[in-house]
Amino acid sequence: MADPAEVQKRGLDWSGEGRDLPRPPKDTLFSKKEVGARIRALRLQRGLPQVELARLLGVHQTNISAMERGTRALTIHQILKLSRALKISTDEILTGTKASDNGHVDRRFLRRLEKIDKLSKRDKQSLLGTIDAFLSKVS
């Protein structure tokens, strides 16, 4: 296995096989301080105290404070939890841009799709046939 310092220095993968990992373009890197400032602004816009946001995320208030100051990095999981708690897109947290209206997804529709996905294959095919029949009238 490769030495972690060498992996970081050379951009190798952890398997040590020497394959280069793709580097993101520099304009897509995120500043912890900028992201933290956005989180603070979004939290304040919603009138949420740090303690309440911490409760929603299942973390201690000091973690929220560190995030907002930009001294603590966020995991992908934490960004997703933040987006749900603040009822915004991950784009808005990371870049400050709101998702376009075209990206709006009806949550009720998504919950129904999740339930449909749990149906048996036969039931799914039957339901999709019914949906296709309805949609053919629209097209």
N, C-alpha and C. Protein backbone atom coordinates (compact mmCIF):
# COMPACT_ATOMS: atom_id res chain seq x y z
N MET A 1 0.84 -1.18 0.00
CA MET A 1 0.00 0.00 0.00
C MET A 1 0.88 1.24 0.00
N ALA A 2 0.46 2.27 -0.69
CA ALA A 2 1.24 3.49 -0.82
C ALA A 2 1.20 4.30 0.46
N ASP A 3 2.27 5.05 0.66
CA ASP A 3 2.36 5.95 1.79
C ASP A 3 1.35 7.09 1.58
N PRO A 4 0.50 7.41 2.59
CA PRO A 4 -0.51 8.46 2.41
C PRO A 4 0.07 9.81 1.97
N ALA A 5 1.27 10.17 2.47
CA ALA A 5 1.88 11.43 2.06
C ALA A 5 2.23 11.41 0.58
N GLU A 6 2.73 10.26 0.11
CA GLU A 6 3.06 10.11 -1.31
C GLU A 6 1.79 10.15 -2.16
N VAL A 7 0.74 9.52 -1.65
CA VAL A 7 -0.54 9.52 -2.36
C VAL A 7 -1.02 10.94 -2.57
N GLN A 8 -0.98 11.73 -1.49
CA GLN A 8 -1.44 13.12 -1.58
C GLN A 8 -0.54 13.93 -2.50
N LYS A 9 0.77 13.75 -2.38
CA LYS A 9 1.73 14.52 -3.17
C LYS A 9 1.59 14.25 -4.66
N ARG A 10 1.45 12.99 -5.03
CA ARG A 10 1.45 12.62 -6.43
C ARG A 10 0.05 12.44 -7.01
N GLY A 11 -1.00 12.52 -6.19
CA GLY A 11 -2.35 12.35 -6.72
C GLY A 11 -2.65 10.91 -7.08
N LEU A 12 -2.06 9.96 -6.35
CA LEU A 12 -2.28 8.54 -6.63
C LEU A 12 -3.53 8.07 -5.91
N ASP A 13 -4.09 6.97 -6.38
CA ASP A 13 -5.21 6.39 -5.65
C ASP A 13 -4.65 5.58 -4.48
N TRP A 14 -5.53 5.18 -3.55
CA TRP A 14 -5.09 4.50 -2.34
C TRP A 14 -4.64 3.07 -2.60
N SER A 15 -4.93 2.51 -3.75
CA SER A 15 -4.49 1.14 -4.01
C SER A 15 -3.00 1.10 -4.28
N GLY A 16 -2.39 2.24 -4.54
CA GLY A 16 -0.96 2.30 -4.76
C GLY A 16 -0.56 1.86 -6.16
N GLU A 17 -1.52 1.69 -7.04
CA GLU A 17 -1.21 1.22 -8.39
C GLU A 17 -0.74 2.32 -9.31
N GLY A 18 -0.70 3.55 -8.82
CA GLY A 18 -0.13 4.63 -9.59
C GLY A 18 -1.07 5.29 -10.58
N ARG A 19 -2.34 4.97 -10.54
CA ARG A 19 -3.28 5.65 -11.43
C ARG A 19 -3.53 7.06 -10.91
N ASP A 20 -3.47 8.00 -11.79
CA ASP A 20 -3.70 9.38 -11.39
C ASP A 20 -5.18 9.62 -11.16
N LEU A 21 -5.50 10.33 -10.09
CA LEU A 21 -6.87 10.72 -9.83
C LEU A 21 -7.15 12.03 -10.55
N PRO A 22 -8.33 12.19 -11.10
CA PRO A 22 -8.64 13.45 -11.75
C PRO A 22 -8.72 14.56 -10.72
N ARG A 23 -8.17 15.69 -11.05
CA ARG A 23 -8.22 16.85 -10.17
C ARG A 23 -9.37 17.75 -10.62
N PRO A 24 -10.15 18.25 -9.67
CA PRO A 24 -11.22 19.17 -10.08
C PRO A 24 -10.63 20.48 -10.57
N PRO A 25 -11.32 21.15 -11.48
CA PRO A 25 -10.84 22.47 -11.92
C PRO A 25 -10.75 23.40 -10.72
N LYS A 26 -9.79 24.31 -10.74
CA LYS A 26 -9.58 25.19 -9.60
C LYS A 26 -10.80 26.06 -9.29
N ASP A 27 -11.60 26.37 -10.31
CA ASP A 27 -12.75 27.23 -10.06
C ASP A 27 -13.88 26.49 -9.35
N THR A 28 -13.75 25.17 -9.13
CA THR A 28 -14.80 24.43 -8.42
C THR A 28 -14.40 24.11 -6.99
N LEU A 29 -13.22 24.55 -6.54
CA LEU A 29 -12.83 24.32 -5.16
C LEU A 29 -13.63 25.27 -4.27
N PHE A 30 -13.91 24.80 -3.07
CA PHE A 30 -14.75 25.56 -2.18
C PHE A 30 -13.95 26.01 -0.97
N SER A 31 -14.08 27.25 -0.63
CA SER A 31 -13.45 27.79 0.56
C SER A 31 -14.32 27.45 1.76
N LYS A 32 -13.69 26.89 2.81
CA LYS A 32 -14.44 26.57 4.02
C LYS A 32 -15.03 27.83 4.63
N LYS A 33 -14.29 28.93 4.56
CA LYS A 33 -14.79 30.19 5.14
C LYS A 33 -16.00 30.71 4.37
N GLU A 34 -15.96 30.62 3.02
CA GLU A 34 -17.09 31.10 2.22
C GLU A 34 -18.32 30.22 2.44
N VAL A 35 -18.13 28.91 2.47
CA VAL A 35 -19.24 27.99 2.71
C VAL A 35 -19.80 28.24 4.11
N GLY A 36 -18.91 28.42 5.07
CA GLY A 36 -19.35 28.70 6.44
C GLY A 36 -20.16 29.98 6.54
N ALA A 37 -19.71 31.01 5.83
CA ALA A 37 -20.45 32.29 5.84
C ALA A 37 -21.83 32.11 5.22
N ARG A 38 -21.92 31.30 4.15
CA ARG A 38 -23.24 31.04 3.53
C ARG A 38 -24.14 30.28 4.49
N ILE A 39 -23.59 29.29 5.18
CA ILE A 39 -24.39 28.52 6.14
C ILE A 39 -24.92 29.45 7.22
N ARG A 40 -24.07 30.31 7.73
CA ARG A 40 -24.50 31.26 8.77
C ARG A 40 -25.61 32.17 8.25
N ALA A 41 -25.43 32.72 7.06
CA ALA A 41 -26.43 33.62 6.49
C ALA A 41 -27.76 32.89 6.28
N LEU A 42 -27.69 31.67 5.76
CA LEU A 42 -28.92 30.89 5.51
C LEU A 42 -29.62 30.54 6.83
N ARG A 43 -28.82 30.20 7.83
CA ARG A 43 -29.40 29.87 9.14
C ARG A 43 -30.09 31.09 9.74
N LEU A 44 -29.42 32.25 9.64
CA LEU A 44 -29.99 33.47 10.20
C LEU A 44 -31.24 33.91 9.43
N GLN A 45 -31.24 33.73 8.10
CA GLN A 45 -32.43 34.06 7.30
C GLN A 45 -33.65 33.29 7.78
N ARG A 46 -33.41 32.08 8.26
CA ARG A 46 -34.50 31.23 8.72
C ARG A 46 -34.80 31.39 10.21
N GLY A 47 -34.04 32.26 10.85
CA GLY A 47 -34.26 32.51 12.28
C GLY A 47 -33.90 31.33 13.16
N LEU A 48 -32.97 30.50 12.71
CA LEU A 48 -32.57 29.32 13.49
C LEU A 48 -31.35 29.63 14.35
N PRO A 49 -31.44 29.40 15.64
CA PRO A 49 -30.23 29.51 16.46
C PRO A 49 -29.30 28.34 16.17
N GLN A 50 -28.02 28.51 16.45
CA GLN A 50 -27.06 27.43 16.23
C GLN A 50 -27.46 26.16 16.96
N VAL A 51 -27.99 26.31 18.16
CA VAL A 51 -28.38 25.14 18.96
C VAL A 51 -29.47 24.35 18.25
N GLU A 52 -30.42 25.03 17.65
CA GLU A 52 -31.51 24.35 16.95
C GLU A 52 -31.00 23.64 15.69
N LEU A 53 -30.15 24.31 14.92
CA LEU A 53 -29.58 23.67 13.73
C LEU A 53 -28.75 22.46 14.14
N ALA A 54 -28.01 22.58 15.22
CA ALA A 54 -27.22 21.46 15.72
C ALA A 54 -28.12 20.28 16.07
N ARG A 55 -29.25 20.56 16.70
CA ARG A 55 -30.20 19.50 17.05
C ARG A 55 -30.73 18.81 15.80
N LEU A 56 -31.07 19.61 14.78
CA LEU A 56 -31.58 19.04 13.53
C LEU A 56 -30.54 18.14 12.84
N LEU A 57 -29.27 18.51 12.97
CA LEU A 57 -28.20 17.76 12.33
C LEU A 57 -27.66 16.63 13.20
N GLY A 58 -28.02 16.65 14.47
CA GLY A 58 -27.52 15.61 15.38
C GLY A 58 -26.07 15.83 15.78
N VAL A 59 -25.66 17.11 15.88
CA VAL A 59 -24.29 17.44 16.27
C VAL A 59 -24.35 18.43 17.43
N HIS A 60 -23.21 18.75 18.01
CA HIS A 60 -23.13 19.73 19.08
C HIS A 60 -23.06 21.13 18.48
N GLN A 61 -23.52 22.10 19.22
CA GLN A 61 -23.53 23.50 18.77
C GLN A 61 -22.14 23.98 18.40
N THR A 62 -21.11 23.50 19.07
CA THR A 62 -19.75 23.94 18.75
C THR A 62 -19.35 23.51 17.34
N ASN A 63 -19.91 22.40 16.84
CA ASN A 63 -19.64 21.98 15.45
C ASN A 63 -20.24 22.97 14.46
N ILE A 64 -21.43 23.45 14.76
CA ILE A 64 -22.06 24.45 13.88
C ILE A 64 -21.23 25.72 13.87
N SER A 65 -20.78 26.15 15.06
CA SER A 65 -19.95 27.34 15.16
C SER A 65 -18.67 27.18 14.34
N ALA A 66 -18.03 26.03 14.43
CA ALA A 66 -16.79 25.78 13.67
C ALA A 66 -17.05 25.76 12.17
N MET A 67 -18.19 25.18 11.75
CA MET A 67 -18.56 25.16 10.33
C MET A 67 -18.71 26.59 9.82
N GLU A 68 -19.44 27.40 10.58
CA GLU A 68 -19.72 28.77 10.16
C GLU A 68 -18.46 29.64 10.13
N ARG A 69 -17.51 29.36 11.01
CA ARG A 69 -16.25 30.11 11.01
C ARG A 69 -15.30 29.62 9.93
N GLY A 70 -15.59 28.47 9.35
CA GLY A 70 -14.74 27.91 8.31
C GLY A 70 -13.54 27.18 8.85
N THR A 71 -13.60 26.77 10.11
CA THR A 71 -12.48 26.04 10.70
C THR A 71 -12.73 24.53 10.68
N ARG A 72 -13.89 24.14 10.25
CA ARG A 72 -14.24 22.72 10.19
C ARG A 72 -14.77 22.41 8.81
N ALA A 73 -14.19 21.40 8.18
CA ALA A 73 -14.65 20.98 6.85
C ALA A 73 -15.94 20.18 6.99
N LEU A 74 -16.72 20.14 5.93
CA LEU A 74 -17.97 19.40 5.92
C LEU A 74 -17.83 18.14 5.08
N THR A 75 -18.48 17.08 5.52
CA THR A 75 -18.55 15.87 4.71
C THR A 75 -19.74 16.00 3.77
N ILE A 76 -19.77 15.17 2.78
CA ILE A 76 -20.91 15.16 1.85
C ILE A 76 -22.19 14.89 2.62
N HIS A 77 -22.13 13.96 3.55
CA HIS A 77 -23.31 13.62 4.35
C HIS A 77 -23.81 14.84 5.12
N GLN A 78 -22.90 15.61 5.69
CA GLN A 78 -23.28 16.80 6.45
C GLN A 78 -23.90 17.86 5.54
N ILE A 79 -23.37 18.00 4.33
CA ILE A 79 -23.93 18.96 3.38
C ILE A 79 -25.36 18.56 3.03
N LEU A 80 -25.59 17.27 2.82
CA LEU A 80 -26.95 16.80 2.52
C LEU A 80 -27.89 17.06 3.69
N LYS A 81 -27.42 16.78 4.91
CA LYS A 81 -28.25 17.03 6.09
C LYS A 81 -28.57 18.52 6.24
N LEU A 82 -27.56 19.35 5.98
CA LEU A 82 -27.77 20.80 6.04
C LEU A 82 -28.81 21.26 5.02
N SER A 83 -28.71 20.71 3.80
CA SER A 83 -29.65 21.13 2.76
C SER A 83 -31.08 20.75 3.14
N ARG A 84 -31.24 19.61 3.77
CA ARG A 84 -32.58 19.20 4.21
C ARG A 84 -33.06 20.07 5.37
N ALA A 85 -32.18 20.32 6.33
CA ALA A 85 -32.56 21.11 7.51
C ALA A 85 -32.90 22.54 7.13
N LEU A 86 -32.16 23.11 6.18
CA LEU A 86 -32.39 24.50 5.77
C LEU A 86 -33.36 24.61 4.59
N LYS A 87 -33.77 23.44 4.07
CA LYS A 87 -34.72 23.37 2.95
C LYS A 87 -34.21 24.13 1.73
N ILE A 88 -32.96 23.81 1.35
CA ILE A 88 -32.33 24.42 0.19
C ILE A 88 -31.53 23.35 -0.55
N SER A 89 -31.04 23.69 -1.72
CA SER A 89 -30.23 22.75 -2.48
C SER A 89 -28.79 22.75 -1.97
N THR A 90 -28.08 21.68 -2.24
CA THR A 90 -26.67 21.63 -1.89
C THR A 90 -25.89 22.68 -2.68
N ASP A 91 -26.35 22.99 -3.90
CA ASP A 91 -25.70 24.04 -4.70
C ASP A 91 -25.70 25.37 -3.95
N GLU A 92 -26.80 25.67 -3.31
CA GLU A 92 -26.90 26.94 -2.61
C GLU A 92 -25.92 27.00 -1.44
N ILE A 93 -25.70 25.87 -0.77
CA ILE A 93 -24.73 25.83 0.33
C ILE A 93 -23.32 25.99 -0.22
N LEU A 94 -23.00 25.23 -1.26
CA LEU A 94 -21.63 25.20 -1.77
C LEU A 94 -21.26 26.40 -2.62
N THR A 95 -22.17 26.86 -3.46
CA THR A 95 -21.83 27.91 -4.41
C THR A 95 -22.58 29.21 -4.20
N GLY A 96 -23.65 29.16 -3.44
CA GLY A 96 -24.45 30.35 -3.23
C GLY A 96 -25.48 30.60 -4.32
N THR A 97 -25.56 29.68 -5.30
CA THR A 97 -26.55 29.83 -6.37
C THR A 97 -27.71 28.90 -6.11
N LYS A 98 -28.89 29.43 -6.34
CA LYS A 98 -30.09 28.63 -6.15
C LYS A 98 -30.28 27.71 -7.34
N ALA A 99 -30.85 26.53 -7.06
CA ALA A 99 -31.18 25.61 -8.14
C ALA A 99 -32.26 26.25 -8.99
N SER A 100 -32.21 26.03 -10.29
CA SER A 100 -33.22 26.62 -11.17
C SER A 100 -34.57 25.97 -10.92
N ASP A 101 -35.61 26.67 -11.32
CA ASP A 101 -36.96 26.13 -11.15
C ASP A 101 -37.13 24.84 -11.94
N ASN A 102 -36.36 24.68 -13.01
CA ASN A 102 -36.43 23.44 -13.78
C ASN A 102 -35.97 22.26 -12.95
N GLY A 103 -35.15 22.51 -11.94
CA GLY A 103 -34.65 21.45 -11.09
C GLY A 103 -35.58 21.14 -9.92
N HIS A 104 -36.70 21.87 -9.84
CA HIS A 104 -37.64 21.65 -8.74
C HIS A 104 -38.25 20.26 -8.83
N VAL A 105 -38.23 19.56 -7.73
CA VAL A 105 -38.78 18.22 -7.69
C VAL A 105 -39.86 18.18 -6.62
N ASP A 106 -41.01 17.64 -6.98
CA ASP A 106 -42.11 17.49 -6.05
C ASP A 106 -41.78 16.34 -5.10
N ARG A 107 -41.61 16.65 -3.82
CA ARG A 107 -41.22 15.63 -2.84
C ARG A 107 -42.27 14.53 -2.70
N ARG A 108 -43.55 14.89 -2.85
CA ARG A 108 -44.60 13.87 -2.79
C ARG A 108 -44.43 12.87 -3.92
N PHE A 109 -44.06 13.38 -5.08
CA PHE A 109 -43.83 12.53 -6.24
C PHE A 109 -42.65 11.59 -5.97
N LEU A 110 -41.59 12.13 -5.39
CA LEU A 110 -40.42 11.30 -5.08
C LEU A 110 -40.75 10.22 -4.07
N ARG A 111 -41.55 10.54 -3.05
CA ARG A 111 -41.94 9.53 -2.05
C ARG A 111 -42.74 8.41 -2.71
N ARG A 112 -43.60 8.79 -3.65
CA ARG A 112 -44.37 7.76 -4.36
C ARG A 112 -43.46 6.88 -5.21
N LEU A 113 -42.48 7.50 -5.86
CA LEU A 113 -41.53 6.71 -6.65
C LEU A 113 -40.75 5.73 -5.78
N GLU A 114 -40.38 6.17 -4.57
CA GLU A 114 -39.67 5.27 -3.66
C GLU A 114 -40.56 4.08 -3.28
N LYS A 115 -41.85 4.33 -3.06
CA LYS A 115 -42.76 3.23 -2.74
C LYS A 115 -42.93 2.30 -3.93
N ILE A 116 -43.03 2.88 -5.12
CA ILE A 116 -43.17 2.07 -6.34
C ILE A 116 -41.96 1.17 -6.50
N ASP A 117 -40.80 1.69 -6.19
CA ASP A 117 -39.57 0.92 -6.34
C ASP A 117 -39.56 -0.32 -5.44
N LYS A 118 -40.34 -0.30 -4.37
CA LYS A 118 -40.39 -1.44 -3.45
C LYS A 118 -41.39 -2.52 -3.90
N LEU A 119 -42.18 -2.22 -4.92
CA LEU A 119 -43.15 -3.19 -5.42
C LEU A 119 -42.45 -4.36 -6.11
N SER A 120 -43.20 -5.44 -6.26
CA SER A 120 -42.65 -6.58 -7.00
C SER A 120 -42.51 -6.20 -8.47
N LYS A 121 -41.70 -6.94 -9.20
CA LYS A 121 -41.46 -6.65 -10.61
C LYS A 121 -42.77 -6.67 -11.39
N ARG A 122 -43.61 -7.63 -11.09
CA ARG A 122 -44.91 -7.77 -11.77
C ARG A 122 -45.81 -6.55 -11.51
N ASP A 123 -45.87 -6.13 -10.24
CA ASP A 123 -46.69 -4.97 -9.90
C ASP A 123 -46.15 -3.69 -10.55
N LYS A 124 -44.81 -3.56 -10.59
CA LYS A 124 -44.21 -2.40 -11.25
C LYS A 124 -44.59 -2.35 -12.72
N GLN A 125 -44.49 -3.49 -13.40
CA GLN A 125 -44.82 -3.53 -14.82
C GLN A 125 -46.28 -3.17 -15.04
N SER A 126 -47.16 -3.66 -14.20
CA SER A 126 -48.57 -3.34 -14.32
C SER A 126 -48.82 -1.85 -14.12
N LEU A 127 -48.20 -1.29 -13.09
CA LEU A 127 -48.37 0.13 -12.80
C LEU A 127 -47.79 0.99 -13.93
N LEU A 128 -46.61 0.62 -14.43
CA LEU A 128 -46.00 1.38 -15.52
C LEU A 128 -46.85 1.33 -16.79
N GLY A 129 -47.50 0.19 -17.02
CA GLY A 129 -48.41 0.09 -18.16
C GLY A 129 -49.57 1.08 -18.04
N THR A 130 -50.11 1.19 -16.85
CA THR A 130 -51.20 2.14 -16.60
C THR A 130 -50.72 3.57 -16.78
N ILE A 131 -49.55 3.89 -16.23
CA ILE A 131 -48.99 5.23 -16.37
C ILE A 131 -48.73 5.55 -17.84
N ASP A 132 -48.15 4.60 -18.57
CA ASP A 132 -47.89 4.82 -20.00
C ASP A 132 -49.17 5.08 -20.76
N ALA A 133 -50.26 4.40 -20.41
CA ALA A 133 -51.54 4.61 -21.08
C ALA A 133 -52.02 6.05 -20.85
N PHE A 134 -51.90 6.54 -19.61
CA PHE A 134 -52.30 7.91 -19.31
C PHE A 134 -51.40 8.90 -20.05
N LEU A 135 -50.11 8.66 -20.04
CA LEU A 135 -49.17 9.60 -20.66
C LEU A 135 -49.30 9.63 -22.17
N SER A 136 -49.73 8.54 -22.78
CA SER A 136 -49.89 8.53 -24.23
C SER A 136 -50.98 9.51 -24.67
N LYS A 137 -51.91 9.82 -23.81
CA LYS A 137 -52.96 10.78 -24.11
C LYS A 137 -52.41 12.21 -24.13
N VAL A 138 -51.33 12.45 -23.40
CA VAL A 138 -50.75 13.78 -23.30
C VAL A 138 -49.83 14.07 -24.48
N SER A 139 -49.10 13.07 -24.89
CA SER A 139 -48.07 13.27 -25.94
C SER A 139 -48.61 13.66 -27.25
